[in-house]
Amino acid sequence: MKIFLIYLLLMNIAGFAAMGIDKCKAKAHAWRIPEKTLFGLSLLGGSTGTWAGMYAFRHKTKHWYFVKGMPLIFFIHVVIACVIYRNFY
């Protein structure tokens, strides 16, 4: 369980950082992080960090698929966590 929590922490840090890095790259008109990578980080457990990064950096907040998709992924993660907790603890 401890390893899994460390994994989630690292994924959320990565998601938050990816949003910040992509915002900096966007301002500099440089190479960008693909949107599928941002969603991938979120799907792999970094939904809280990615969602927080969206608003902390004001990045991707005008794209409906991010505004709707990130909270949806977070909600799905919460439901999965509740089901696992209910069935195994």
C-alpha atoms as a PDB file:
ATOM      1  CA  MET A   1       0.000   0.000   0.000  1.00  0.00           C
ATOM      2  CA  LYS A   2       2.864   2.372   0.842  1.00  0.00           C
ATOM      3  CA  ILE A   3       4.430   1.851  -2.587  1.00  0.00           C
ATOM      4  CA  PHE A   4       1.096   2.564  -4.279  1.00  0.00           C
ATOM      5  CA  LEU A   5       0.685   5.836  -2.366  1.00  0.00           C
ATOM      6  CA  ILE A   6       4.214   6.884  -3.327  1.00  0.00           C
ATOM      7  CA  TYR A   7       3.354   6.045  -6.948  1.00  0.00           C
ATOM      8  CA  LEU A   8       0.224   8.233  -6.788  1.00  0.00           C
ATOM      9  CA  LEU A   9       2.187  11.081  -5.237  1.00  0.00           C
ATOM     10  CA  LEU A  10       4.815  10.903  -7.992  1.00  0.00           C
ATOM     11  CA  MET A  11       2.175  10.744 -10.743  1.00  0.00           C
ATOM     12  CA  ASN A  12       0.412  13.792  -9.326  1.00  0.00           C
ATOM     13  CA  ILE A  13       3.671  15.721  -9.094  1.00  0.00           C
ATOM     14  CA  ALA A  14       4.428  14.722 -12.695  1.00  0.00           C
ATOM     15  CA  GLY A  15       0.960  15.815 -13.848  1.00  0.00           C
ATOM     16  CA  PHE A  16       1.237  19.165 -12.089  1.00  0.00           C
ATOM     17  CA  ALA A  17       4.754  19.736 -13.431  1.00  0.00           C
ATOM     18  CA  ALA A  18       3.741  18.741 -16.973  1.00  0.00           C
ATOM     19  CA  MET A  19       1.024  21.390 -16.984  1.00  0.00           C
ATOM     20  CA  GLY A  20       3.508  24.018 -15.786  1.00  0.00           C
ATOM     21  CA  ILE A  21       6.161  22.999 -18.289  1.00  0.00           C
ATOM     22  CA  ASP A  22       3.672  22.954 -21.154  1.00  0.00           C
ATOM     23  CA  LYS A  23       2.438  26.428 -20.196  1.00  0.00           C
ATOM     24  CA  CYS A  24       6.006  27.771 -20.241  1.00  0.00           C
ATOM     25  CA  LYS A  25       6.622  26.122 -23.593  1.00  0.00           C
ATOM     26  CA  ALA A  26       3.388  27.608 -24.969  1.00  0.00           C
ATOM     27  CA  LYS A  27       4.434  31.124 -23.947  1.00  0.00           C
ATOM     28  CA  ALA A  28       7.850  30.630 -25.576  1.00  0.00           C
ATOM     29  CA  HIS A  29       6.296  29.163 -28.757  1.00  0.00           C
ATOM     30  CA  ALA A  30       8.503  26.109 -28.257  1.00  0.00           C
ATOM     31  CA  TRP A  31       7.996  22.347 -28.465  1.00  0.00           C
ATOM     32  CA  ARG A  32       4.861  21.326 -26.540  1.00  0.00           C
ATOM     33  CA  ILE A  33       3.841  18.326 -24.485  1.00  0.00           C
ATOM     34  CA  PRO A  34       1.180  16.424 -26.470  1.00  0.00           C
ATOM     35  CA  GLU A  35      -2.338  16.574 -25.048  1.00  0.00           C
ATOM     36  CA  LYS A  36      -2.534  12.787 -25.047  1.00  0.00           C
ATOM     37  CA  THR A  37       0.498  12.746 -22.727  1.00  0.00           C
ATOM     38  CA  LEU A  38      -1.249  15.128 -20.328  1.00  0.00           C
ATOM     39  CA  PHE A  39      -4.353  12.938 -20.359  1.00  0.00           C
ATOM     40  CA  GLY A  40      -2.172   9.828 -20.011  1.00  0.00           C
ATOM     41  CA  LEU A  41      -0.553  11.172 -16.854  1.00  0.00           C
ATOM     42  CA  SER A  42      -3.994  11.904 -15.508  1.00  0.00           C
ATOM     43  CA  LEU A  43      -5.349   8.459 -16.378  1.00  0.00           C
ATOM     44  CA  LEU A  44      -2.341   6.744 -14.794  1.00  0.00           C
ATOM     45  CA  GLY A  45      -3.114   8.248 -11.402  1.00  0.00           C
ATOM     46  CA  GLY A  46      -2.133  11.887 -11.690  1.00  0.00           C
ATOM     47  CA  SER A  47      -5.611  13.330 -12.090  1.00  0.00           C
ATOM     48  CA  THR A  48      -5.445  15.524  -8.984  1.00  0.00           C
ATOM     49  CA  GLY A  49      -2.086  17.040  -9.934  1.00  0.00           C
ATOM     50  CA  THR A  50      -3.001  17.545 -13.571  1.00  0.00           C
ATOM     51  CA  TRP A  51      -6.334  19.134 -12.681  1.00  0.00           C
ATOM     52  CA  ALA A  52      -4.686  21.374 -10.078  1.00  0.00           C
ATOM     53  CA  GLY A  53      -1.989  22.324 -12.596  1.00  0.00           C
ATOM     54  CA  MET A  54      -4.635  23.367 -15.106  1.00  0.00           C
ATOM     55  CA  TYR A  55      -5.889  26.063 -12.791  1.00  0.00           C
ATOM     56  CA  ALA A  56      -2.631  26.943 -11.025  1.00  0.00           C
ATOM     57  CA  PHE A  57      -1.024  27.741 -14.382  1.00  0.00           C
ATOM     58  CA  ARG A  58      -4.255  28.753 -16.166  1.00  0.00           C
ATOM     59  CA  HIS A  59      -3.445  26.240 -18.836  1.00  0.00           C
ATOM     60  CA  LYS A  60      -5.891  24.351 -21.073  1.00  0.00           C
ATOM     61  CA  THR A  61      -8.829  25.936 -19.238  1.00  0.00           C
ATOM     62  CA  LYS A  62     -10.473  27.040 -22.486  1.00  0.00           C
ATOM     63  CA  HIS A  63     -10.488  23.538 -23.970  1.00  0.00           C
ATOM     64  CA  TRP A  64     -13.785  21.847 -23.138  1.00  0.00           C
ATOM     65  CA  TYR A  65     -12.261  18.371 -23.232  1.00  0.00           C
ATOM     66  CA  PHE A  66      -9.811  19.346 -20.480  1.00  0.00           C
ATOM     67  CA  VAL A  67     -12.393  21.257 -18.431  1.00  0.00           C
ATOM     68  CA  LYS A  68     -14.771  18.274 -18.546  1.00  0.00           C
ATOM     69  CA  GLY A  69     -12.248  15.442 -18.917  1.00  0.00           C
ATOM     70  CA  MET A  70      -9.929  16.098 -15.981  1.00  0.00           C
ATOM     71  CA  PRO A  71     -12.702  16.266 -13.360  1.00  0.00           C
ATOM     72  CA  LEU A  72     -14.285  13.172 -14.926  1.00  0.00           C
ATOM     73  CA  ILE A  73     -11.039  11.212 -14.639  1.00  0.00           C
ATOM     74  CA  PHE A  74     -10.655  12.431 -11.034  1.00  0.00           C
ATOM     75  CA  PHE A  75     -14.223  11.353 -10.242  1.00  0.00           C
ATOM     76  CA  ILE A  76     -13.618   7.906 -11.765  1.00  0.00           C
ATOM     77  CA  HIS A  77     -10.458   7.553  -9.640  1.00  0.00           C
ATOM     78  CA  VAL A  78     -12.413   8.480  -6.503  1.00  0.00           C
ATOM     79  CA  VAL A  79     -15.117   5.916  -7.325  1.00  0.00           C
ATOM     80  CA  ILE A  80     -12.496   3.214  -7.930  1.00  0.00           C
ATOM     81  CA  ALA A  81     -10.765   4.080  -4.649  1.00  0.00           C
ATOM     82  CA  CYS A  82     -14.079   3.887  -2.771  1.00  0.00           C
ATOM     83  CA  VAL A  83     -14.920   0.504  -4.302  1.00  0.00           C
ATOM     84  CA  ILE A  84     -11.474  -0.880  -3.480  1.00  0.00           C
ATOM     85  CA  TYR A  85     -11.629   0.485   0.060  1.00  0.00           C
ATOM     86  CA  ARG A  86     -15.137  -0.890   0.628  1.00  0.00           C
ATOM     87  CA  ASN A  87     -14.284  -4.352  -0.679  1.00  0.00           C
ATOM     88  CA  PHE A  88     -10.844  -4.835   0.808  1.00  0.00           C
ATOM     89  CA  TYR A  89     -10.746  -2.872   4.072  1.00  0.00           C
END
